[in-house]
């Protein structure tokens, strides 16, 4: 599957902004686009399998839920990036990471329940990465202003 038909497009539009919080969400989506529950489920499964959908899950406003967040960056030898990423990903609250062509080359986001927990995790990550590299520089870049609240891609 490398091309989306009209029904696939409708389903993608529906699940981006209106995934129903009901006991049978695929039945509800089906009623919106004119398909059965099973047809919607099969199409979404196929869209995931073929890479059109990477993740299916809720998006929450962590700040409104009382969480704190930051963007972190570490300077790590390039050959240690995979090992460092595995260490970082072990922590609950790390949502994703990526490499950049910069002195601070491994970046990750961290969303946790309190500032204290955030500082503990950052300290622990820095310590563990220092153990494998000899040294580790970590910076925290919390957002000062929110520029993007919601993204919807019209398919």
Protein backbone atom coordinates (compact mmCIF):
# COMPACT_ATOMS: atom_id res chain seq x y z
CA UNK A 1 0.00 0.00 0.00
CA UNK A 2 1.60 3.25 -1.08
CA UNK A 3 -1.44 5.36 -1.93
CA UNK A 4 -4.31 6.44 0.25
CA UNK A 5 -7.86 6.15 -1.02
CA UNK A 6 -10.63 8.55 0.00
CA UNK A 7 -11.77 6.36 2.93
CA UNK A 8 -8.22 6.10 4.30
CA UNK A 9 -7.95 9.88 4.10
CA UNK A 10 -11.26 10.32 5.94
CA UNK A 11 -10.16 7.89 8.66
CA UNK A 12 -6.83 9.70 9.12
CA UNK A 13 -8.63 13.02 9.41
CA UNK A 14 -11.05 11.57 11.96
CA UNK A 15 -8.46 9.97 14.21
CA UNK A 16 -6.21 13.03 14.26
CA UNK A 17 -8.68 15.30 15.95
CA UNK A 18 -11.68 13.30 17.01
CA UNK A 19 -10.71 9.83 18.17
CA UNK A 20 -13.76 8.85 20.20
CA UNK A 21 -13.31 8.11 23.90
CA UNK A 22 -15.97 5.38 23.88
CA UNK A 23 -15.96 1.62 24.41
CA UNK A 24 -16.12 0.93 20.65
CA UNK A 25 -14.16 3.75 18.97
CA UNK A 26 -13.79 1.95 15.63
CA UNK A 27 -17.57 1.50 15.42
CA UNK A 28 -18.01 5.23 16.06
CA UNK A 29 -15.42 6.15 13.41
CA UNK A 30 -17.08 3.72 11.02
CA UNK A 31 -20.42 5.45 11.49
CA UNK A 32 -18.75 8.76 10.59
CA UNK A 33 -17.12 7.49 7.38
CA UNK A 34 -19.63 4.84 6.27
CA UNK A 35 -17.71 1.65 7.17
CA UNK A 36 -18.14 -1.21 9.60
CA UNK A 37 -16.16 -1.42 12.81
CA UNK A 38 -14.07 -4.28 11.38
CA UNK A 39 -13.34 -2.37 8.14
CA UNK A 40 -12.10 0.65 10.11
CA UNK A 41 -9.95 -1.56 12.34
CA UNK A 42 -8.46 -3.35 9.31
CA UNK A 43 -7.74 -0.07 7.51
CA UNK A 44 -6.07 1.47 10.56
CA UNK A 45 -4.02 -1.72 11.03
CA UNK A 46 -2.94 -1.53 7.38
CA UNK A 47 -2.10 2.17 7.69
CA UNK A 48 0.10 1.39 10.71
CA UNK A 49 1.75 -1.59 9.01
CA UNK A 50 2.55 0.52 5.94
CA UNK A 51 3.99 3.44 7.89
CA UNK A 52 1.21 5.99 7.36
CA UNK A 53 0.51 5.91 11.11
CA UNK A 54 3.52 5.80 13.39
CA UNK A 55 1.73 6.07 16.72
CA UNK A 56 -1.86 5.91 17.87
CA UNK A 57 -2.36 7.43 21.31
CA UNK A 58 -3.61 10.34 23.31
CA UNK A 59 -2.02 13.77 23.41
CA UNK A 60 -2.36 15.52 26.73
CA UNK A 61 -1.53 19.00 27.95
CA UNK A 62 1.06 17.92 30.50
CA UNK A 63 1.22 21.38 32.08
CA UNK A 64 -2.52 21.36 32.80
CA UNK A 65 -2.07 17.92 34.39
CA UNK A 66 0.56 19.38 36.75
CA UNK A 67 3.64 18.00 35.02
CA UNK A 68 6.84 19.85 34.20
CA UNK A 69 8.78 19.41 31.00
CA UNK A 70 12.02 20.37 29.35
CA UNK A 71 14.12 19.75 26.29
CA UNK A 72 17.50 18.32 27.25
CA UNK A 73 20.69 18.04 25.26
CA UNK A 74 23.85 16.10 25.98
CA UNK A 75 27.26 16.18 24.41
CA UNK A 76 28.29 12.59 23.76
CA UNK A 77 30.92 11.02 21.49
CA UNK A 78 29.16 10.10 18.25
CA UNK A 79 30.18 6.45 18.49
CA UNK A 80 28.43 6.27 21.90
CA UNK A 81 25.12 7.74 20.70
CA UNK A 82 23.24 4.42 20.47
CA UNK A 83 24.37 3.33 23.93
CA UNK A 84 23.53 6.75 25.37
CA UNK A 85 20.08 6.70 23.74
CA UNK A 86 19.36 3.29 25.30
CA UNK A 87 20.30 4.65 28.73
CA UNK A 88 18.17 7.78 28.29
CA UNK A 89 15.17 5.81 27.01
CA UNK A 90 15.06 3.73 30.21
CA UNK A 91 13.60 6.68 32.09
CA UNK A 92 9.87 7.11 32.45
CA UNK A 93 9.10 10.57 31.19
CA UNK A 94 11.46 10.58 28.19
CA UNK A 95 9.10 10.97 25.25
CA UNK A 96 11.58 10.86 22.39
CA UNK A 97 15.16 11.61 21.43
CA UNK A 98 17.05 12.55 18.30
CA UNK A 99 20.57 13.28 17.06
CA UNK A 100 21.69 16.71 15.87
CA UNK A 101 24.82 17.90 14.15
CA UNK A 102 25.99 20.06 17.05
CA UNK A 103 28.32 19.99 20.05
CA UNK A 104 25.21 18.97 22.02
CA UNK A 105 24.34 16.14 19.70
CA UNK A 106 21.76 13.97 21.51
CA UNK A 107 18.52 15.74 22.41
CA UNK A 108 15.52 14.40 24.33
CA UNK A 109 12.32 15.61 25.92
CA UNK A 110 11.48 14.89 29.53
CA UNK A 111 8.00 15.22 31.08
CA UNK A 112 7.65 14.32 34.77
CA UNK A 113 5.56 14.98 37.87
CA UNK A 114 7.79 17.57 39.54
CA UNK A 115 10.88 19.72 39.23
CA UNK A 116 12.59 17.57 41.86
CA UNK A 117 12.03 14.37 39.87
CA UNK A 118 13.25 16.14 36.73
CA UNK A 119 16.47 17.20 38.43
CA UNK A 120 17.01 13.68 39.83
CA UNK A 121 16.58 12.09 36.40
CA UNK A 122 18.86 14.62 34.72
CA UNK A 123 21.52 14.07 37.37
CA UNK A 124 21.22 10.30 37.06
CA UNK A 125 21.46 10.43 33.25
CA UNK A 126 24.48 12.68 33.44
CA UNK A 127 26.15 10.33 35.93
CA UNK A 128 25.44 7.20 33.87
CA UNK A 129 26.62 8.80 30.63
CA UNK A 130 29.77 10.07 32.37
CA UNK A 131 30.50 6.51 33.47
CA UNK A 132 30.59 5.29 29.86
CA UNK A 133 32.25 8.34 28.29
CA UNK A 134 34.39 9.79 31.04
CA UNK A 135 32.50 13.07 30.96
CA UNK A 136 29.05 14.31 30.03
CA UNK A 137 27.67 17.78 29.61
CA UNK A 138 23.87 18.06 29.89
CA UNK A 139 21.79 21.19 29.42
CA UNK A 140 18.12 21.71 30.16
CA UNK A 141 16.10 24.06 27.97
CA UNK A 142 12.58 24.43 29.41
CA UNK A 143 10.08 26.21 27.18
CA UNK A 144 9.43 29.82 28.10
CA UNK A 145 6.52 30.19 25.70
CA UNK A 146 4.30 27.70 23.90
CA UNK A 147 4.18 28.31 20.17
CA UNK A 148 2.31 25.23 18.97
CA UNK A 149 -0.60 23.73 20.83
CA UNK A 150 -2.09 21.36 18.28
CA UNK A 151 -1.22 20.20 14.82
CA UNK A 152 -3.76 18.75 12.41
CA UNK A 153 -2.69 17.59 8.96
CA UNK A 154 -5.60 17.67 6.52
CA UNK A 155 -5.26 14.50 4.47
